[in-house]
Amino acid sequence: MTIASKTPKRPGWLLALAGLATVLALPAAAQELKTWRHGIVEAKSDAGFVFMAANGGYAAKQGLKLEMVQFKGDALALRALLAGELDSYEGSPGGPMIAASRGGDVKILGCYWPILTYGIFAKSGIASPKELRGKSFAISAPGALPDLLARAVLEQNDIPASEVKFAVMGSDTDRYKSLAAGVVDAAAASTEFVPYAAQANLKLLVHANEAVPNYLRFCLYTGSKTLAQRGDEVARFLAAEIAGLQFALANRDKVIALAHQITDTKPDDPRAAHVYDEVKKYSAITPELPIPMDKLNWMQALLVKTGNLAKPFDLTTMVESSAREKALALAGK
C-alpha cells in the first residue's frame, strides 16, 4: 500500500499573515494609486508642461494614477466634467463662468497659466486687426478661448461680430491648417505655429498678451461633489501639478523632449522649443496656482460685453481656495 505524502496544513492565522506579508511586499504605488481623470485640450506643443505631473511621476508620488483625457476643445472638457465623466479639467475660465452663472457645478481650483501665449494669425496681406472686417475667421465653440479672444480683439477695433464670418473648428491645428490652406482669412490659435507662419505666407497679427493681458489661459476646475467626496485627492492632484510645473520650468530639454514624445513629433520640430521659450519670456506659468480675482473679474466683464453672460454674478461662489492651500503644504511651499 502506497502512502501519499501530505503537506502539513498551516493554521488559518498563519496563512493570513503570509498573505499580508505578500501584500506589504508589493510596491506602494501598486497598492495605493487611485485613478484621477483629468481633461485637457488636445495635446500640442505645450504638452511638456501639461503632461509633466502625470509623466514625470509627480502624481504617483501623491498616490494618484493621473489619466489625461484629451478633447478637441475645453468646452467639450467642461461638458464632460459637468456630466461626471472627469474628476477635473483645465481650460480658459469663460465656459466655466457661463456654466456657473446658469447653476452648473464647477469650481475654480487655481490658475497655472495666467498669461495667454496665444494669438490671431492672418494672411500676410492683412496689415492690422482693423482689416478683419468682412473677413472669415476660424474660432471654436462659443465661450471657449479662441471664440472669446477673437471677439475681444474685434471689440477693441470697433468691429461688430456680425461683420465677420465665423467658422467654428475643433482644435488649434485644425484652425491653423484651414488658414494655411486659404479656407479662412484669420484664425485664433496657439503661438506655437509662429515658427511656420512665414513660410506659409501667414503672420501673427495679434499676440494675445499684448491685446488682452488680463486674459487667463489655463485654470484647473472640479465640481463640489468631487471636493466633498475626494477632497484629499483634490489637494494631492494640485500638489502633483505644482511639483511638475516647478520641475518643468527648470528643465527646458526635458520639457521639450516630453512634448515631442506626447505629440509624436520629430526632435527637429521647433514648436515645443518655441512654446518653452515664450513661457519663460512672459513668465506665463505660475506653479503656485494663484486665483487672480482681478483677471477673473475682467474676464466676466468681457463675457457680458460679448453677450455670453446676461449680467455679472458673484465669482467668489465658484472659487475653491482651501484645496490649493493644502496642496501648497503638501508640495512644501
C-alpha atoms as a PDB file:
ATOM      1  CA  MET A   1       0.000   0.000   0.000  1.00  0.00           C
ATOM      2  CA  THR A   2       1.291   3.385  -1.028  1.00  0.00           C
ATOM      3  CA  ILE A   3       1.064   6.125   1.468  1.00  0.00           C
ATOM      4  CA  ALA A   4       0.537   9.568  -0.118  1.00  0.00           C
ATOM      5  CA  SER A   5       2.735  12.243   1.224  1.00  0.00           C
ATOM      6  CA  LYS A   6       0.834  15.267   2.631  1.00  0.00           C
ATOM      7  CA  THR A   7       1.907  18.810   3.259  1.00  0.00           C
ATOM      8  CA  PRO A   8       1.047  19.751   6.797  1.00  0.00           C
ATOM      9  CA  LYS A   9      -1.794  22.258   6.998  1.00  0.00           C
ATOM     10  CA  ARG A  10      -0.925  25.706   8.313  1.00  0.00           C
ATOM     11  CA  PRO A  11      -3.159  27.331  10.837  1.00  0.00           C
ATOM     12  CA  GLY A  12      -5.544  29.918   9.299  1.00  0.00           C
ATOM     13  CA  TRP A  13      -3.906  32.818  11.113  1.00  0.00           C
ATOM     14  CA  LEU A  14      -0.516  31.834   9.656  1.00  0.00           C
ATOM     15  CA  LEU A  15      -1.915  31.784   6.103  1.00  0.00           C
ATOM     16  CA  ALA A  16      -3.460  35.193   6.666  1.00  0.00           C
ATOM     17  CA  LEU A  17      -0.148  36.512   7.966  1.00  0.00           C
ATOM     18  CA  ALA A  18       1.662  35.132   4.921  1.00  0.00           C
ATOM     19  CA  GLY A  19      -0.886  36.813   2.641  1.00  0.00           C
ATOM     20  CA  LEU A  20      -0.427  40.123   4.435  1.00  0.00           C
ATOM     21  CA  ALA A  21       3.339  39.839   4.045  1.00  0.00           C
ATOM     22  CA  THR A  22       2.884  39.346   0.302  1.00  0.00           C
ATOM     23  CA  VAL A  23       0.709  42.467   0.050  1.00  0.00           C
ATOM     24  CA  LEU A  24       3.193  44.502   2.061  1.00  0.00           C
ATOM     25  CA  ALA A  25       5.946  43.358  -0.250  1.00  0.00           C
ATOM     26  CA  LEU A  26       4.182  44.905  -3.264  1.00  0.00           C
ATOM     27  CA  PRO A  27       5.307  48.375  -4.366  1.00  0.00           C
ATOM     28  CA  ALA A  28       3.434  51.109  -2.529  1.00  0.00           C
ATOM     29  CA  ALA A  29       2.244  52.566  -5.814  1.00  0.00           C
ATOM     30  CA  ALA A  30       0.558  49.270  -6.784  1.00  0.00           C
ATOM     31  CA  GLN A  31      -1.440  49.299  -3.546  1.00  0.00           C
ATOM     32  CA  GLU A  32      -2.275  52.947  -3.180  1.00  0.00           C
ATOM     33  CA  LEU A  33      -2.632  54.655  -6.567  1.00  0.00           C
ATOM     34  CA  LYS A  34      -6.123  55.999  -7.091  1.00  0.00           C
ATOM     35  CA  THR A  35      -7.301  56.882 -10.570  1.00  0.00           C
ATOM     36  CA  TRP A  36      -7.779  60.570 -11.293  1.00  0.00           C
ATOM     37  CA  ARG A  37      -9.271  61.518 -14.679  1.00  0.00           C
ATOM     38  CA  HIS A  38      -8.155  64.958 -15.860  1.00  0.00           C
ATOM     39  CA  GLY A  39      -9.437  66.603 -19.033  1.00  0.00           C
ATOM     40  CA  ILE A  40      -7.185  68.671 -21.284  1.00  0.00           C
ATOM     41  CA  VAL A  41      -7.334  70.294 -24.691  1.00  0.00           C
ATOM     42  CA  GLU A  42      -5.874  68.029 -27.386  1.00  0.00           C
ATOM     43  CA  ALA A  43      -2.129  67.653 -26.799  1.00  0.00           C
ATOM     44  CA  LYS A  44       0.080  70.029 -28.737  1.00  0.00           C
ATOM     45  CA  SER A  45       3.499  71.617 -28.328  1.00  0.00           C
ATOM     46  CA  ASP A  46       2.817  72.722 -24.743  1.00  0.00           C
ATOM     47  CA  ALA A  47       2.435  69.060 -23.727  1.00  0.00           C
ATOM     48  CA  GLY A  48       5.755  69.073 -21.892  1.00  0.00           C
ATOM     49  CA  PHE A  49       4.186  71.347 -19.290  1.00  0.00           C
ATOM     50  CA  VAL A  50       0.667  69.918 -19.393  1.00  0.00           C
ATOM     51  CA  PHE A  51       1.734  66.265 -19.008  1.00  0.00           C
ATOM     52  CA  MET A  52       4.625  66.697 -16.569  1.00  0.00           C
ATOM     53  CA  ALA A  53       2.605  65.883 -13.433  1.00  0.00           C
ATOM     54  CA  ALA A  54       1.442  62.604 -14.994  1.00  0.00           C
ATOM     55  CA  ASN A  55       4.501  61.532 -16.971  1.00  0.00           C
ATOM     56  CA  GLY A  56       7.123  62.924 -14.622  1.00  0.00           C
ATOM     57  CA  GLY A  57       5.959  60.728 -11.740  1.00  0.00           C
ATOM     58  CA  TYR A  58       4.648  63.561  -9.567  1.00  0.00           C
ATOM     59  CA  ALA A  59       1.078  62.285  -9.483  1.00  0.00           C
ATOM     60  CA  ALA A  60       2.282  58.809  -8.471  1.00  0.00           C
ATOM     61  CA  LYS A  61       4.241  60.350  -5.601  1.00  0.00           C
ATOM     62  CA  GLN A  62       0.932  61.780  -4.398  1.00  0.00           C
ATOM     63  CA  GLY A  63      -0.766  58.372  -4.637  1.00  0.00           C
ATOM     64  CA  LEU A  64      -2.615  59.088  -7.875  1.00  0.00           C
ATOM     65  CA  LYS A  65      -2.787  57.431 -11.265  1.00  0.00           C
ATOM     66  CA  LEU A  66      -3.318  60.522 -13.378  1.00  0.00           C
ATOM     67  CA  GLU A  67      -5.178  59.747 -16.603  1.00  0.00           C
ATOM     68  CA  MET A  68      -5.030  62.559 -19.161  1.00  0.00           C
ATOM     69  CA  VAL A  69      -8.220  62.668 -21.236  1.00  0.00           C
ATOM     70  CA  GLN A  70      -7.930  64.744 -24.412  1.00  0.00           C
ATOM     71  CA  PHE A  71     -10.669  66.838 -26.035  1.00  0.00           C
ATOM     72  CA  LYS A  72     -10.814  68.930 -29.205  1.00  0.00           C
ATOM     73  CA  GLY A  73     -11.631  71.988 -27.106  1.00  0.00           C
ATOM     74  CA  ASP A  74     -12.071  72.983 -23.470  1.00  0.00           C
ATOM     75  CA  ALA A  75     -15.829  73.460 -23.968  1.00  0.00           C
ATOM     76  CA  LEU A  76     -16.105  69.691 -24.524  1.00  0.00           C
ATOM     77  CA  ALA A  77     -13.982  69.014 -21.432  1.00  0.00           C
ATOM     78  CA  LEU A  78     -16.299  71.239 -19.393  1.00  0.00           C
ATOM     79  CA  ARG A  79     -19.313  69.226 -20.554  1.00  0.00           C
ATOM     80  CA  ALA A  80     -17.562  66.014 -19.542  1.00  0.00           C
ATOM     81  CA  LEU A  81     -16.843  67.426 -16.082  1.00  0.00           C
ATOM     82  CA  LEU A  82     -20.461  68.509 -15.621  1.00  0.00           C
ATOM     83  CA  ALA A  83     -21.585  65.043 -16.735  1.00  0.00           C
ATOM     84  CA  GLY A  84     -19.416  63.419 -14.046  1.00  0.00           C
ATOM     85  CA  GLU A  85     -17.046  61.812 -16.567  1.00  0.00           C
ATOM     86  CA  LEU A  86     -13.971  63.658 -15.253  1.00  0.00           C
ATOM     87  CA  ASP A  87     -12.551  64.462 -11.838  1.00  0.00           C
ATOM     88  CA  SER A  88     -11.037  67.732 -13.082  1.00  0.00           C
ATOM     89  CA  TYR A  89     -10.125  69.575 -16.244  1.00  0.00           C
ATOM     90  CA  GLU A  90      -8.178  72.613 -17.380  1.00  0.00           C
ATOM     91  CA  GLY A  91      -9.071  75.420 -19.734  1.00  0.00           C
ATOM     92  CA  SER A  92      -9.982  79.072 -20.059  1.00  0.00           C
ATOM     93  CA  PRO A  93     -12.440  80.453 -17.450  1.00  0.00           C
ATOM     94  CA  GLY A  94     -15.014  81.673 -19.995  1.00  0.00           C
ATOM     95  CA  GLY A  95     -17.024  78.475 -20.317  1.00  0.00           C
ATOM     96  CA  PRO A  96     -16.976  77.663 -16.581  1.00  0.00           C
ATOM     97  CA  MET A  97     -18.228  81.169 -15.757  1.00  0.00           C
ATOM     98  CA  ILE A  98     -21.119  80.791 -18.186  1.00  0.00           C
ATOM     99  CA  ALA A  99     -21.939  77.359 -16.754  1.00  0.00           C
ATOM    100  CA  ALA A 100     -21.732  78.571 -13.132  1.00  0.00           C
ATOM    101  CA  SER A 101     -23.999  81.552 -13.902  1.00  0.00           C
ATOM    102  CA  ARG A 102     -26.627  79.030 -15.044  1.00  0.00           C
ATOM    103  CA  GLY A 103     -26.312  76.833 -11.966  1.00  0.00           C
ATOM    104  CA  GLY A 104     -23.623  74.484 -13.241  1.00  0.00           C
ATOM    105  CA  ASP A 105     -21.464  72.786 -10.617  1.00  0.00           C
ATOM    106  CA  VAL A 106     -17.931  73.933 -11.476  1.00  0.00           C
ATOM    107  CA  LYS A 107     -15.293  75.280  -9.087  1.00  0.00           C
ATOM    108  CA  ILE A 108     -12.020  77.067  -9.866  1.00  0.00           C
ATOM    109  CA  LEU A 109      -9.080  75.472  -8.011  1.00  0.00           C
ATOM    110  CA  GLY A 110      -6.225  77.637  -9.304  1.00  0.00           C
ATOM    111  CA  CYS A 111      -4.754  79.083 -12.494  1.00  0.00           C
ATOM    112  CA  TYR A 112      -1.330  77.855 -13.537  1.00  0.00           C
ATOM    113  CA  TRP A 113      -1.118  79.568 -16.943  1.00  0.00           C
ATOM    114  CA  PRO A 114      -2.417  83.078 -16.175  1.00  0.00           C
ATOM    115  CA  ILE A 115      -0.795  84.756 -19.205  1.00  0.00           C
ATOM    116  CA  LEU A 116      -2.095  83.950 -22.660  1.00  0.00           C
ATOM    117  CA  THR A 117       0.532  82.603 -25.088  1.00  0.00           C
ATOM    118  CA  TYR A 118      -1.912  82.651 -27.951  1.00  0.00           C
ATOM    119  CA  GLY A 119      -2.785  84.837 -30.884  1.00  0.00           C
ATOM    120  CA  ILE A 120      -4.652  85.760 -34.027  1.00  0.00           C
ATOM    121  CA  PHE A 121      -2.960  84.576 -37.230  1.00  0.00           C
ATOM    122  CA  ALA A 122      -3.891  86.049 -40.593  1.00  0.00           C
ATOM    123  CA  LYS A 123      -2.942  86.089 -44.251  1.00  0.00           C
ATOM    124  CA  SER A 124       0.122  88.253 -44.801  1.00  0.00           C
ATOM    125  CA  GLY A 125      -1.921  90.782 -46.794  1.00  0.00           C
ATOM    126  CA  ILE A 126      -3.947  91.752 -43.715  1.00  0.00           C
ATOM    127  CA  ALA A 127      -1.973  94.603 -42.196  1.00  0.00           C
ATOM    128  CA  SER A 128      -3.868  95.246 -38.954  1.00  0.00           C
ATOM    129  CA  PRO A 129      -6.777  93.920 -36.874  1.00  0.00           C
ATOM    130  CA  LYS A 130      -8.978  96.691 -38.279  1.00  0.00           C
ATOM    131  CA  GLU A 131      -8.819  94.917 -41.637  1.00  0.00           C
ATOM    132  CA  LEU A 132     -10.628  91.870 -40.222  1.00  0.00           C
ATOM    133  CA  ARG A 133     -13.980  93.484 -41.011  1.00  0.00           C
ATOM    134  CA  GLY A 134     -15.789  91.367 -43.586  1.00  0.00           C
ATOM    135  CA  LYS A 135     -13.226  88.568 -43.351  1.00  0.00           C
ATOM    136  CA  SER A 136     -13.717  84.886 -42.480  1.00  0.00           C
ATOM    137  CA  PHE A 137     -12.413  83.952 -39.033  1.00  0.00           C
ATOM    138  CA  ALA A 138     -11.753  80.451 -37.635  1.00  0.00           C
ATOM    139  CA  ILE A 139     -12.721  80.138 -33.959  1.00  0.00           C
ATOM    140  CA  SER A 140     -14.036  77.372 -31.690  1.00  0.00           C
ATOM    141  CA  ALA A 141     -17.136  76.681 -29.624  1.00  0.00           C
ATOM    142  CA  PRO A 142     -18.945  79.690 -28.079  1.00  0.00           C
ATOM    143  CA  GLY A 143     -17.386  80.732 -24.778  1.00  0.00           C
ATOM    144  CA  ALA A 144     -14.123  78.848 -25.398  1.00  0.00           C
ATOM    145  CA  LEU A 145     -10.765  80.626 -25.527  1.00  0.00           C
ATOM    146  CA  PRO A 146     -10.474  81.111 -29.335  1.00  0.00           C
ATOM    147  CA  ASP A 147     -14.016  82.428 -29.564  1.00  0.00           C
ATOM    148  CA  LEU A 148     -13.650  84.932 -26.729  1.00  0.00           C
ATOM    149  CA  LEU A 149     -10.202  86.101 -27.829  1.00  0.00           C
ATOM    150  CA  ALA A 150     -11.475  86.752 -31.347  1.00  0.00           C
ATOM    151  CA  ARG A 151     -14.451  88.711 -30.040  1.00  0.00           C
ATOM    152  CA  ALA A 152     -12.271  90.709 -27.651  1.00  0.00           C
ATOM    153  CA  VAL A 153      -9.914  91.749 -30.458  1.00  0.00           C
ATOM    154  CA  LEU A 154     -12.844  92.666 -32.705  1.00  0.00           C
ATOM    155  CA  GLU A 155     -14.422  94.722 -29.913  1.00  0.00           C
ATOM    156  CA  GLN A 156     -11.143  96.577 -29.352  1.00  0.00           C
ATOM    157  CA  ASN A 157     -11.094  97.518 -33.027  1.00  0.00           C
ATOM    158  CA  ASP A 158     -14.748  98.600 -33.186  1.00  0.00           C
ATOM    159  CA  ILE A 159     -15.744  95.716 -35.452  1.00  0.00           C
ATOM    160  CA  PRO A 160     -19.185  94.229 -34.679  1.00  0.00           C
ATOM    161  CA  ALA A 161     -19.135  90.432 -34.572  1.00  0.00           C
ATOM    162  CA  SER A 162     -21.945  90.478 -37.146  1.00  0.00           C
ATOM    163  CA  GLU A 163     -19.481  91.895 -39.706  1.00  0.00           C
ATOM    164  CA  VAL A 164     -17.174  88.866 -39.533  1.00  0.00           C
ATOM    165  CA  LYS A 165     -17.859  85.399 -40.954  1.00  0.00           C
ATOM    166  CA  PHE A 166     -17.073  82.966 -38.137  1.00  0.00           C
ATOM    167  CA  ALA A 167     -16.117  79.357 -38.877  1.00  0.00           C
ATOM    168  CA  VAL A 168     -16.225  77.013 -35.872  1.00  0.00           C
ATOM    169  CA  MET A 169     -13.389  74.460 -35.941  1.00  0.00           C
ATOM    170  CA  GLY A 170     -12.215  71.958 -33.347  1.00  0.00           C
ATOM    171  CA  SER A 171      -8.561  72.408 -32.489  1.00  0.00           C
ATOM    172  CA  ASP A 172      -5.730  74.915 -32.871  1.00  0.00           C
ATOM    173  CA  THR A 173      -4.180  72.667 -35.514  1.00  0.00           C
ATOM    174  CA  ASP A 174      -7.465  72.468 -37.428  1.00  0.00           C
ATOM    175  CA  ARG A 175      -7.810  76.247 -37.430  1.00  0.00           C
ATOM    176  CA  TYR A 176      -4.184  76.890 -38.427  1.00  0.00           C
ATOM    177  CA  LYS A 177      -4.335  74.345 -41.273  1.00  0.00           C
ATOM    178  CA  SER A 178      -7.552  75.892 -42.508  1.00  0.00           C
ATOM    179  CA  LEU A 179      -5.884  79.296 -42.591  1.00  0.00           C
ATOM    180  CA  ALA A 180      -2.763  77.949 -44.310  1.00  0.00           C
ATOM    181  CA  ALA A 181      -4.960  76.283 -46.953  1.00  0.00           C
ATOM    182  CA  GLY A 182      -6.731  79.578 -47.664  1.00  0.00           C
ATOM    183  CA  VAL A 183     -10.116  78.397 -46.398  1.00  0.00           C
ATOM    184  CA  VAL A 184     -10.346  81.322 -43.945  1.00  0.00           C
ATOM    185  CA  ASP A 185      -8.664  84.729 -43.683  1.00  0.00           C
ATOM    186  CA  ALA A 186      -7.777  84.629 -39.981  1.00  0.00           C
ATOM    187  CA  ALA A 187      -7.659  82.149 -37.123  1.00  0.00           C
ATOM    188  CA  ALA A 188      -7.245  82.066 -33.352  1.00  0.00           C
ATOM    189  CA  ALA A 189      -4.511  79.586 -32.431  1.00  0.00           C
ATOM    190  CA  SER A 190      -1.569  78.879 -30.152  1.00  0.00           C
ATOM    191  CA  THR A 191       1.588  80.850 -30.874  1.00  0.00           C
ATOM    192  CA  GLU A 192       3.379  77.507 -31.290  1.00  0.00           C
ATOM    193  CA  PHE A 193       2.752  77.997 -35.031  1.00  0.00           C
ATOM    194  CA  VAL A 194       4.883  81.155 -35.237  1.00  0.00           C
ATOM    195  CA  PRO A 195       7.965  79.219 -36.493  1.00  0.00           C
ATOM    196  CA  TYR A 196       5.971  78.024 -39.511  1.00  0.00           C
ATOM    197  CA  ALA A 197       3.878  81.110 -40.270  1.00  0.00           C
ATOM    198  CA  ALA A 198       6.200  82.985 -42.639  1.00  0.00           C
ATOM    199  CA  GLN A 199       6.831  80.008 -44.911  1.00  0.00           C
ATOM    200  CA  ALA A 200       3.043  79.576 -45.237  1.00  0.00           C
ATOM    201  CA  ASN A 201       2.680  83.266 -46.141  1.00  0.00           C
ATOM    202  CA  LEU A 202       0.942  83.946 -42.823  1.00  0.00           C
ATOM    203  CA  LYS A 203       1.634  86.289 -39.933  1.00  0.00           C
ATOM    204  CA  LEU A 204       0.899  86.593 -36.232  1.00  0.00           C
ATOM    205  CA  LEU A 205      -1.437  89.573 -36.456  1.00  0.00           C
ATOM    206  CA  VAL A 206      -2.141  89.921 -32.729  1.00  0.00           C
ATOM    207  CA  HIS A 207      -0.321  88.449 -29.743  1.00  0.00           C
ATOM    208  CA  ALA A 208      -2.923  87.901 -27.044  1.00  0.00           C
ATOM    209  CA  ASN A 209      -0.672  89.009 -24.197  1.00  0.00           C
ATOM    210  CA  GLU A 210      -0.384  92.443 -25.799  1.00  0.00           C
ATOM    211  CA  ALA A 211      -4.027  92.768 -26.827  1.00  0.00           C
ATOM    212  CA  VAL A 212      -5.702  91.225 -23.766  1.00  0.00           C
ATOM    213  CA  PRO A 213      -3.130  90.988 -20.926  1.00  0.00           C
ATOM    214  CA  ASN A 214      -5.817  90.062 -18.391  1.00  0.00           C
ATOM    215  CA  TYR A 215      -6.992  87.030 -20.330  1.00  0.00           C
ATOM    216  CA  LEU A 216      -6.320  83.799 -18.416  1.00  0.00           C
ATOM    217  CA  ARG A 217      -5.265  80.761 -20.403  1.00  0.00           C
ATOM    218  CA  PHE A 218      -5.468  77.698 -18.135  1.00  0.00           C
ATOM    219  CA  CYS A 219      -7.200  77.299 -14.792  1.00  0.00           C
ATOM    220  CA  LEU A 220      -7.994  73.984 -13.081  1.00  0.00           C
ATOM    221  CA  TYR A 221     -11.591  73.015 -12.275  1.00  0.00           C
ATOM    222  CA  THR A 222     -13.571  70.372 -10.426  1.00  0.00           C
ATOM    223  CA  GLY A 223     -17.074  70.002  -9.002  1.00  0.00           C
ATOM    224  CA  SER A 224     -18.386  70.435  -5.458  1.00  0.00           C
ATOM    225  CA  LYS A 225     -19.332  66.743  -5.304  1.00  0.00           C
ATOM    226  CA  THR A 226     -15.727  65.732  -6.017  1.00  0.00           C
ATOM    227  CA  LEU A 227     -14.496  68.224  -3.416  1.00  0.00           C
ATOM    228  CA  ALA A 228     -16.855  66.761  -0.824  1.00  0.00           C
ATOM    229  CA  GLN A 229     -16.136  63.097  -1.575  1.00  0.00           C
ATOM    230  CA  ARG A 230     -12.457  63.230  -2.610  1.00  0.00           C
ATOM    231  CA  GLY A 231     -11.132  66.405  -1.017  1.00  0.00           C
ATOM    232  CA  ASP A 232      -7.810  64.869  -0.011  1.00  0.00           C
ATOM    233  CA  GLU A 233      -7.228  63.621  -3.551  1.00  0.00           C
ATOM    234  CA  VAL A 234      -8.090  67.031  -5.000  1.00  0.00           C
ATOM    235  CA  ALA A 235      -5.298  68.523  -2.878  1.00  0.00           C
ATOM    236  CA  ARG A 236      -2.900  65.755  -3.909  1.00  0.00           C
ATOM    237  CA  PHE A 237      -3.724  66.301  -7.577  1.00  0.00           C
ATOM    238  CA  LEU A 238      -2.935  70.004  -7.189  1.00  0.00           C
ATOM    239  CA  ALA A 239       0.286  69.208  -5.315  1.00  0.00           C
ATOM    240  CA  ALA A 240       1.364  66.990  -8.217  1.00  0.00           C
ATOM    241  CA  GLU A 241       0.631  69.813 -10.673  1.00  0.00           C
ATOM    242  CA  ILE A 242       2.651  72.270  -8.578  1.00  0.00           C
ATOM    243  CA  ALA A 243       5.673  69.957  -8.371  1.00  0.00           C
ATOM    244  CA  GLY A 244       5.503  69.026 -12.041  1.00  0.00           C
ATOM    245  CA  LEU A 245       5.359  72.647 -13.183  1.00  0.00           C
ATOM    246  CA  GLN A 246       8.224  73.651 -10.893  1.00  0.00           C
ATOM    247  CA  PHE A 247      10.362  70.911 -12.413  1.00  0.00           C
ATOM    248  CA  ALA A 248       9.299  71.849 -15.941  1.00  0.00           C
ATOM    249  CA  LEU A 249      10.276  75.497 -15.588  1.00  0.00           C
ATOM    250  CA  ALA A 250      13.786  74.457 -14.549  1.00  0.00           C
ATOM    251  CA  ASN A 251      14.345  71.743 -17.176  1.00  0.00           C
ATOM    252  CA  ARG A 252      13.963  73.018 -20.735  1.00  0.00           C
ATOM    253  CA  ASP A 253      15.355  69.970 -22.536  1.00  0.00           C
ATOM    254  CA  LYS A 254      13.148  67.512 -20.636  1.00  0.00           C
ATOM    255  CA  VAL A 255      10.020  69.573 -21.261  1.00  0.00           C
ATOM    256  CA  ILE A 256      10.762  69.733 -24.984  1.00  0.00           C
ATOM    257  CA  ALA A 257      11.538  66.010 -25.136  1.00  0.00           C
ATOM    258  CA  LEU A 258       8.282  65.147 -23.363  1.00  0.00           C
ATOM    259  CA  ALA A 259       6.312  67.372 -25.757  1.00  0.00           C
ATOM    260  CA  HIS A 260       7.844  65.534 -28.730  1.00  0.00           C
ATOM    261  CA  GLN A 261       7.027  62.192 -27.110  1.00  0.00           C
ATOM    262  CA  ILE A 262       3.398  63.044 -26.369  1.00  0.00           C
ATOM    263  CA  THR A 263       2.698  64.654 -29.753  1.00  0.00           C
ATOM    264  CA  ASP A 264       4.787  62.130 -31.707  1.00  0.00           C
ATOM    265  CA  THR A 265       6.809  64.856 -33.415  1.00  0.00           C
ATOM    266  CA  LYS A 266      10.421  64.757 -34.545  1.00  0.00           C
ATOM    267  CA  PRO A 267      13.218  66.255 -32.419  1.00  0.00           C
ATOM    268  CA  ASP A 268      13.842  68.953 -35.026  1.00  0.00           C
ATOM    269  CA  ASP A 269      10.248  70.243 -34.878  1.00  0.00           C
ATOM    270  CA  PRO A 270      10.728  73.783 -33.496  1.00  0.00           C
ATOM    271  CA  ARG A 271       7.325  74.299 -31.901  1.00  0.00           C
ATOM    272  CA  ALA A 272       7.920  72.813 -28.439  1.00  0.00           C
ATOM    273  CA  ALA A 273      11.090  74.859 -28.027  1.00  0.00           C
ATOM    274  CA  HIS A 274       9.227  77.989 -29.150  1.00  0.00           C
ATOM    275  CA  VAL A 275       6.492  77.370 -26.575  1.00  0.00           C
ATOM    276  CA  TYR A 276       9.013  76.819 -23.786  1.00  0.00           C
ATOM    277  CA  ASP A 277      10.979  79.975 -24.606  1.00  0.00           C
ATOM    278  CA  GLU A 278       7.815  82.045 -24.857  1.00  0.00           C
ATOM    279  CA  VAL A 279       6.622  80.781 -21.474  1.00  0.00           C
ATOM    280  CA  LYS A 280       9.923  81.863 -19.943  1.00  0.00           C
ATOM    281  CA  LYS A 281       9.906  85.203 -21.804  1.00  0.00           C
ATOM    282  CA  TYR A 282       6.476  86.195 -20.489  1.00  0.00           C
ATOM    283  CA  SER A 283       6.679  84.310 -17.160  1.00  0.00           C
ATOM    284  CA  ALA A 284       3.458  82.795 -18.413  1.00  0.00           C
ATOM    285  CA  ILE A 285       3.281  79.851 -15.976  1.00  0.00           C
ATOM    286  CA  THR A 286       2.885  80.209 -12.222  1.00  0.00           C
ATOM    287  CA  PRO A 287       3.314  76.818 -10.463  1.00  0.00           C
ATOM    288  CA  GLU A 288       1.710  78.027  -7.215  1.00  0.00           C
ATOM    289  CA  LEU A 289      -1.716  78.064  -8.915  1.00  0.00           C
ATOM    290  CA  PRO A 290      -2.885  81.575  -7.976  1.00  0.00           C
ATOM    291  CA  ILE A 291      -6.527  82.600  -8.206  1.00  0.00           C
ATOM    292  CA  PRO A 292      -6.267  86.132  -9.676  1.00  0.00           C
ATOM    293  CA  MET A 293      -9.656  87.668  -8.930  1.00  0.00           C
ATOM    294  CA  ASP A 294      -8.799  90.858 -10.837  1.00  0.00           C
ATOM    295  CA  LYS A 295      -8.303  88.886 -14.042  1.00  0.00           C
ATOM    296  CA  LEU A 296     -11.372  86.744 -13.388  1.00  0.00           C
ATOM    297  CA  ASN A 297     -13.469  89.872 -12.907  1.00  0.00           C
ATOM    298  CA  TRP A 298     -12.071  91.304 -16.151  1.00  0.00           C
ATOM    299  CA  MET A 299     -13.000  88.118 -17.977  1.00  0.00           C
ATOM    300  CA  GLN A 300     -16.506  88.227 -16.595  1.00  0.00           C
ATOM    301  CA  ALA A 301     -16.854  91.808 -17.846  1.00  0.00           C
ATOM    302  CA  LEU A 302     -15.684  90.609 -21.275  1.00  0.00           C
ATOM    303  CA  LEU A 303     -18.344  87.880 -21.277  1.00  0.00           C
ATOM    304  CA  VAL A 304     -21.010  90.486 -20.535  1.00  0.00           C
ATOM    305  CA  LYS A 305     -19.687  92.695 -23.381  1.00  0.00           C
ATOM    306  CA  THR A 306     -19.733  89.837 -25.859  1.00  0.00           C
ATOM    307  CA  GLY A 307     -23.243  88.793 -24.793  1.00  0.00           C
ATOM    308  CA  ASN A 308     -22.184  85.409 -23.410  1.00  0.00           C
ATOM    309  CA  LEU A 309     -23.360  86.496 -19.948  1.00  0.00           C
ATOM    310  CA  ALA A 310     -26.567  88.429 -19.413  1.00  0.00           C
ATOM    311  CA  LYS A 311     -25.233  90.058 -16.263  1.00  0.00           C
ATOM    312  CA  PRO A 312     -22.381  89.718 -13.740  1.00  0.00           C
ATOM    313  CA  PHE A 313     -22.623  87.371 -10.766  1.00  0.00           C
ATOM    314  CA  ASP A 314     -20.580  86.793  -7.611  1.00  0.00           C
ATOM    315  CA  LEU A 315     -17.475  84.956  -8.829  1.00  0.00           C
ATOM    316  CA  THR A 316     -16.424  84.024  -5.297  1.00  0.00           C
ATOM    317  CA  THR A 317     -19.211  81.423  -5.361  1.00  0.00           C
ATOM    318  CA  MET A 318     -17.204  79.379  -7.873  1.00  0.00           C
ATOM    319  CA  VAL A 319     -13.787  79.768  -6.243  1.00  0.00           C
ATOM    320  CA  GLU A 320     -12.378  76.994  -4.022  1.00  0.00           C
ATOM    321  CA  SER A 321      -9.125  78.000  -2.334  1.00  0.00           C
ATOM    322  CA  SER A 322      -8.768  75.516   0.533  1.00  0.00           C
ATOM    323  CA  ALA A 323      -7.649  72.640  -1.711  1.00  0.00           C
ATOM    324  CA  ARG A 324      -4.897  74.848  -3.119  1.00  0.00           C
ATOM    325  CA  GLU A 325      -3.719  75.762   0.397  1.00  0.00           C
ATOM    326  CA  LYS A 326      -3.472  72.077   1.303  1.00  0.00           C
ATOM    327  CA  ALA A 327      -1.653  71.372  -1.952  1.00  0.00           C
ATOM    328  CA  LEU A 328       0.919  74.065  -1.298  1.00  0.00           C
ATOM    329  CA  ALA A 329       1.610  72.484   2.098  1.00  0.00           C
ATOM    330  CA  LEU A 330       1.957  69.034   0.510  1.00  0.00           C
ATOM    331  CA  ALA A 331       4.334  70.457  -2.071  1.00  0.00           C
ATOM    332  CA  GLY A 332       6.422  72.146   0.624  1.00  0.00           C
ATOM    333  CA  LYS A 333       5.592  75.690  -0.462  1.00  0.00           C
END
